[in-house]
Amino acid sequence: MAQTNVIVLRIAKDKATEFEALFEQEQYPNWQKHKKTGGFLAASLTRVEFGSEEDDAMRGKYVNYVVVAKVRDMRAHTTHDNDPDFKAYDDKAEAFQPEGPSVWGGTTIFEI
């Protein structure tokens, strides 16, 4: 069964543009690769404009980004996480994060 994963990234506000450029250059092509091989069913990166952690983000001087990745199964998830291209990107992206991410995932039950 498909798996949906949600990650909230907290990126330093003064590094947001640089982070987005890095994502476009290094992670988005990786997503395309995993989509082409059938591991990724869908994925998105959204810069948060409103939400329950708005005040925390303002005080912490960071921007929240939500990553949603729908993958074929746990094997596809692991394949992505172990991909050397992802690991290289992730090492660079961590430098933009003043706080660690929040991560959730599980088997997709309903969707439309």
Protein backbone atom coordinates (compact mmCIF):
# COMPACT_ATOMS: atom_id res chain seq x y z
CA MET A 1 0.00 0.00 0.00
CA ALA A 2 1.04 3.58 -0.61
CA GLN A 3 2.72 5.57 2.11
CA THR A 4 2.34 9.29 2.78
CA ASN A 5 5.15 11.18 4.50
CA VAL A 6 5.00 14.73 5.84
CA ILE A 7 8.02 16.72 6.94
CA VAL A 8 8.03 20.25 8.33
CA LEU A 9 11.38 21.91 7.68
CA ARG A 10 12.39 25.04 9.60
CA ILE A 11 14.71 27.09 7.41
CA ALA A 12 16.51 30.23 8.62
CA LYS A 13 14.57 33.18 7.23
CA ASP A 14 17.67 34.84 5.79
CA LYS A 15 18.58 31.59 3.99
CA ALA A 16 15.15 30.75 2.51
CA THR A 17 15.93 31.89 -1.04
CA GLU A 18 19.24 30.03 -0.99
CA PHE A 19 17.50 26.91 0.34
CA GLU A 20 14.86 27.03 -2.40
CA ALA A 21 17.59 27.33 -5.06
CA LEU A 22 19.43 24.35 -3.58
CA PHE A 23 16.20 22.36 -3.51
CA GLU A 24 15.44 23.17 -7.14
CA GLN A 25 18.97 22.34 -8.25
CA GLU A 26 19.56 19.15 -6.27
CA GLN A 27 16.44 17.63 -4.70
CA TYR A 28 13.79 18.32 -7.35
CA PRO A 29 15.74 16.38 -10.03
CA ASN A 30 16.07 13.54 -7.51
CA TRP A 31 12.30 13.55 -7.04
CA GLN A 32 11.89 13.40 -10.81
CA LYS A 33 14.21 10.39 -10.93
CA HIS A 34 12.20 8.55 -8.26
CA LYS A 35 8.91 9.49 -9.94
CA LYS A 36 10.18 8.10 -13.25
CA THR A 37 11.13 4.77 -11.64
CA GLY A 38 7.71 4.51 -9.95
CA GLY A 39 8.84 4.92 -6.36
CA PHE A 40 7.33 8.38 -5.94
CA LEU A 41 3.65 8.74 -6.71
CA ALA A 42 3.58 12.45 -5.86
CA ALA A 43 5.65 14.97 -3.91
CA SER A 44 5.55 18.68 -3.12
CA LEU A 45 7.45 21.40 -1.30
CA THR A 46 5.28 24.22 0.06
CA ARG A 47 6.48 27.40 1.72
CA VAL A 48 4.10 27.89 4.64
CA GLU A 49 2.22 31.20 4.60
CA PHE A 50 -0.08 30.58 7.58
CA GLY A 51 -0.66 28.00 10.27
CA SER A 52 -0.55 27.06 13.91
CA GLU A 53 3.22 27.60 14.25
CA GLU A 54 3.30 31.08 12.69
CA ASP A 55 4.28 32.82 15.92
CA ASP A 56 7.00 30.24 16.64
CA ALA A 57 8.44 30.80 13.18
CA MET A 58 8.46 34.59 13.62
CA ARG A 59 10.11 34.38 17.04
CA GLY A 60 12.59 31.79 15.83
CA LYS A 61 13.32 33.75 12.64
CA TYR A 62 12.69 30.80 10.39
CA VAL A 63 10.34 29.86 7.57
CA ASN A 64 8.38 26.63 7.70
CA TYR A 65 8.30 24.43 4.62
CA VAL A 66 6.07 21.38 4.27
CA VAL A 67 7.28 18.42 2.27
CA VAL A 68 4.63 15.86 1.33
CA ALA A 69 5.81 12.71 -0.39
CA LYS A 70 3.49 9.93 -1.42
CA VAL A 71 5.54 6.85 -2.19
CA ARG A 72 4.66 3.41 -3.50
CA ASP A 73 5.65 1.63 -0.28
CA MET A 74 8.30 1.47 2.45
CA ARG A 75 10.81 0.01 0.00
CA ALA A 76 10.46 3.10 -2.21
CA HIS A 77 10.83 5.32 0.87
CA THR A 78 14.03 3.52 1.89
CA THR A 79 15.38 3.59 -1.66
CA HIS A 80 14.99 7.38 -1.72
CA ASP A 81 16.47 7.89 1.75
CA ASN A 82 19.50 5.77 0.85
CA ASP A 83 20.03 7.45 -2.52
CA PRO A 84 23.50 9.09 -2.56
CA ASP A 85 22.04 12.12 -4.38
CA PHE A 86 19.50 12.63 -1.58
CA LYS A 87 22.14 12.16 1.12
CA ALA A 88 24.39 14.78 -0.50
CA TYR A 89 21.48 17.25 -0.75
CA ASP A 90 20.30 16.51 2.80
CA ASP A 91 23.75 17.17 4.25
CA LYS A 92 23.72 20.63 2.64
CA ALA A 93 20.07 21.36 3.55
CA GLU A 94 20.67 20.64 7.24
CA ALA A 95 22.96 23.67 7.40
CA PHE A 96 19.93 25.92 6.70
CA GLN A 97 17.92 24.54 9.63
CA PRO A 98 18.20 26.30 13.01
CA GLU A 99 15.85 23.62 14.42
CA GLY A 100 15.35 20.04 13.41
CA PRO A 101 12.41 18.95 11.26
CA SER A 102 9.17 17.35 12.34
CA VAL A 103 8.58 14.07 10.48
CA TRP A 104 5.49 11.88 10.17
CA GLY A 105 4.59 9.04 7.86
CA GLY A 106 2.38 6.03 7.47
CA THR A 107 0.20 3.89 5.28
CA THR A 108 -2.28 5.92 3.26
CA ILE A 109 -5.82 4.86 4.21
CA PHE A 110 -8.03 7.19 2.17
CA GLU A 111 -7.32 9.64 -0.62
CA ILE A 112 -9.17 11.48 -3.33
